[in-house]
Amino acid sequence: MGYRREYSNVNLLLGFLAGGAIGVGLALLFAPRSGKETRRKIREFAGDTSDKVVEYAGDVKEKVTSTIGKSKDFIDEKKSALSTAIESGKEAYKEEKQIFSS
């Protein structure tokens, strides 16, 4: 029996971004620049990447929160409709029972 692991789109995107960041970092390290200039470029890149990751994480959190809120509203709406249908069914059953028992 094989082990199968499911990946979400978010995990896939984060892996892609991390791989890209590592690739860019390595490209900077092997670029034909002086050590001081390369370290400055790495610091700039790390700062930019950090800002982008924080922004992306905020966007993801906002979307997840929104989706959860919409899901809760949808479930509450369906629960209400189901409760109303059950009550209507009970009432109809009582009415039919009274008609047939008379």
C-alpha atoms as a PDB file:
ATOM      1  CA  MET A   1       0.000   0.000   0.000  1.00  0.00           C
ATOM      2  CA  GLY A   2       1.571   3.290  -1.095  1.00  0.00           C
ATOM      3  CA  TYR A   3       1.676   6.408   1.007  1.00  0.00           C
ATOM      4  CA  ARG A   4      -0.013   9.313  -0.674  1.00  0.00           C
ATOM      5  CA  ARG A   5       0.336  12.841   0.616  1.00  0.00           C
ATOM      6  CA  GLU A   6      -1.972  15.576  -0.574  1.00  0.00           C
ATOM      7  CA  TYR A   7      -0.621  19.090  -1.068  1.00  0.00           C
ATOM      8  CA  SER A   8      -2.778  22.169  -1.053  1.00  0.00           C
ATOM      9  CA  ASN A   9      -2.307  25.004  -3.509  1.00  0.00           C
ATOM     10  CA  VAL A  10      -1.003  27.205  -0.696  1.00  0.00           C
ATOM     11  CA  ASN A  11       1.732  24.704   0.183  1.00  0.00           C
ATOM     12  CA  LEU A  12       2.637  24.367  -3.474  1.00  0.00           C
ATOM     13  CA  LEU A  13       2.855  28.128  -3.913  1.00  0.00           C
ATOM     14  CA  LEU A  14       4.916  28.575  -0.741  1.00  0.00           C
ATOM     15  CA  GLY A  15       7.306  25.850  -1.899  1.00  0.00           C
ATOM     16  CA  PHE A  16       7.610  27.509  -5.275  1.00  0.00           C
ATOM     17  CA  LEU A  17       8.338  30.895  -3.658  1.00  0.00           C
ATOM     18  CA  ALA A  18      10.888  29.380  -1.265  1.00  0.00           C
ATOM     19  CA  GLY A  19      12.637  27.629  -4.156  1.00  0.00           C
ATOM     20  CA  GLY A  20      12.699  30.860  -6.116  1.00  0.00           C
ATOM     21  CA  ALA A  21      14.129  32.740  -3.144  1.00  0.00           C
ATOM     22  CA  ILE A  22      16.857  30.143  -2.681  1.00  0.00           C
ATOM     23  CA  GLY A  23      17.656  30.267  -6.394  1.00  0.00           C
ATOM     24  CA  VAL A  24      17.941  34.033  -6.396  1.00  0.00           C
ATOM     25  CA  GLY A  25      20.082  33.927  -3.266  1.00  0.00           C
ATOM     26  CA  LEU A  26      22.449  31.433  -4.874  1.00  0.00           C
ATOM     27  CA  ALA A  27      22.564  33.502  -8.044  1.00  0.00           C
ATOM     28  CA  LEU A  28      23.598  36.516  -5.982  1.00  0.00           C
ATOM     29  CA  LEU A  29      26.292  34.500  -4.215  1.00  0.00           C
ATOM     30  CA  PHE A  30      27.826  33.302  -7.441  1.00  0.00           C
ATOM     31  CA  ALA A  31      27.510  36.598  -9.296  1.00  0.00           C
ATOM     32  CA  PRO A  32      30.784  38.295 -10.284  1.00  0.00           C
ATOM     33  CA  ARG A  33      30.627  41.071  -7.669  1.00  0.00           C
ATOM     34  CA  SER A  34      32.715  41.990  -4.694  1.00  0.00           C
ATOM     35  CA  GLY A  35      31.867  40.417  -1.363  1.00  0.00           C
ATOM     36  CA  LYS A  36      30.663  43.704   0.109  1.00  0.00           C
ATOM     37  CA  GLU A  37      28.368  44.413  -2.827  1.00  0.00           C
ATOM     38  CA  THR A  38      27.032  40.843  -2.825  1.00  0.00           C
ATOM     39  CA  ARG A  39      26.264  40.999   0.916  1.00  0.00           C
ATOM     40  CA  ARG A  40      24.437  44.297   0.390  1.00  0.00           C
ATOM     41  CA  LYS A  41      22.383  42.756  -2.425  1.00  0.00           C
ATOM     42  CA  ILE A  42      21.552  39.743  -0.253  1.00  0.00           C
ATOM     43  CA  ARG A  43      20.396  42.025   2.585  1.00  0.00           C
ATOM     44  CA  GLU A  44      18.215  44.005   0.194  1.00  0.00           C
ATOM     45  CA  PHE A  45      16.783  40.836  -1.304  1.00  0.00           C
ATOM     46  CA  ALA A  46      16.117  39.320   2.129  1.00  0.00           C
ATOM     47  CA  GLY A  47      14.335  42.474   3.264  1.00  0.00           C
ATOM     48  CA  ASP A  48      12.192  42.614   0.128  1.00  0.00           C
ATOM     49  CA  THR A  49      11.386  38.910   0.327  1.00  0.00           C
ATOM     50  CA  SER A  50      10.490  39.179   3.996  1.00  0.00           C
ATOM     51  CA  ASP A  51       8.101  42.034   3.264  1.00  0.00           C
ATOM     52  CA  LYS A  52       6.491  40.091   0.422  1.00  0.00           C
ATOM     53  CA  VAL A  53       6.072  36.964   2.558  1.00  0.00           C
ATOM     54  CA  VAL A  54       4.444  38.956   5.354  1.00  0.00           C
ATOM     55  CA  GLU A  55       2.118  40.625   2.855  1.00  0.00           C
ATOM     56  CA  TYR A  56       1.264  37.289   1.219  1.00  0.00           C
ATOM     57  CA  ALA A  57       0.614  35.669   4.611  1.00  0.00           C
ATOM     58  CA  GLY A  58      -1.732  38.528   5.485  1.00  0.00           C
ATOM     59  CA  ASP A  59      -3.598  38.072   2.202  1.00  0.00           C
ATOM     60  CA  VAL A  60      -3.901  34.324   2.758  1.00  0.00           C
ATOM     61  CA  LYS A  61      -5.131  34.851   6.327  1.00  0.00           C
ATOM     62  CA  GLU A  62      -7.717  37.357   5.112  1.00  0.00           C
ATOM     63  CA  LYS A  63      -8.974  34.993   2.397  1.00  0.00           C
ATOM     64  CA  VAL A  64      -9.151  32.036   4.779  1.00  0.00           C
ATOM     65  CA  THR A  65     -11.016  34.101   7.373  1.00  0.00           C
ATOM     66  CA  SER A  66     -13.425  35.339   4.710  1.00  0.00           C
ATOM     67  CA  THR A  67     -14.018  31.820   3.407  1.00  0.00           C
ATOM     68  CA  ILE A  68     -14.628  30.485   6.903  1.00  0.00           C
ATOM     69  CA  GLY A  69     -17.091  33.295   7.585  1.00  0.00           C
ATOM     70  CA  LYS A  70     -18.955  32.622   4.356  1.00  0.00           C
ATOM     71  CA  SER A  71     -19.015  28.895   5.121  1.00  0.00           C
ATOM     72  CA  LYS A  72     -20.442  29.509   8.595  1.00  0.00           C
ATOM     73  CA  ASP A  73     -23.133  31.780   7.152  1.00  0.00           C
ATOM     74  CA  PHE A  74     -23.997  29.169   4.519  1.00  0.00           C
ATOM     75  CA  ILE A  75     -24.213  26.394   7.121  1.00  0.00           C
ATOM     76  CA  ASP A  76     -26.365  28.526   9.435  1.00  0.00           C
ATOM     77  CA  GLU A  77     -28.685  29.339   6.531  1.00  0.00           C
ATOM     78  CA  LYS A  78     -29.021  25.674   5.569  1.00  0.00           C
ATOM     79  CA  LYS A  79     -29.557  24.624   9.204  1.00  0.00           C
ATOM     80  CA  SER A  80     -32.329  27.188   9.499  1.00  0.00           C
ATOM     81  CA  ALA A  81     -33.965  26.002   6.285  1.00  0.00           C
ATOM     82  CA  LEU A  82     -33.703  22.375   7.431  1.00  0.00           C
ATOM     83  CA  SER A  83     -35.212  23.205  10.830  1.00  0.00           C
ATOM     84  CA  THR A  84     -38.090  25.012   9.136  1.00  0.00           C
ATOM     85  CA  ALA A  85     -38.657  22.054   6.809  1.00  0.00           C
ATOM     86  CA  ILE A  86     -38.629  19.610   9.724  1.00  0.00           C
ATOM     87  CA  GLU A  87     -41.118  21.706  11.676  1.00  0.00           C
ATOM     88  CA  SER A  88     -43.350  21.999   8.604  1.00  0.00           C
ATOM     89  CA  GLY A  89     -43.176  18.230   8.167  1.00  0.00           C
ATOM     90  CA  LYS A  90     -44.121  17.651  11.804  1.00  0.00           C
ATOM     91  CA  GLU A  91     -47.086  19.999  11.493  1.00  0.00           C
ATOM     92  CA  ALA A  92     -48.239  18.335   8.275  1.00  0.00           C
ATOM     93  CA  TYR A  93     -47.913  14.924   9.929  1.00  0.00           C
ATOM     94  CA  LYS A  94     -50.013  16.057  12.896  1.00  0.00           C
ATOM     95  CA  GLU A  95     -52.690  17.486  10.616  1.00  0.00           C
ATOM     96  CA  GLU A  96     -52.836  14.328   8.499  1.00  0.00           C
ATOM     97  CA  LYS A  97     -52.908  12.166  11.609  1.00  0.00           C
ATOM     98  CA  GLN A  98     -55.878  14.125  12.950  1.00  0.00           C
ATOM     99  CA  ILE A  99     -57.710  13.852   9.629  1.00  0.00           C
ATOM    100  CA  PHE A 100     -57.263  10.073   9.446  1.00  0.00           C
ATOM    101  CA  SER A 101     -57.976   9.459  13.119  1.00  0.00           C
ATOM    102  CA  SER A 102     -61.358  11.209  12.919  1.00  0.00           C
END
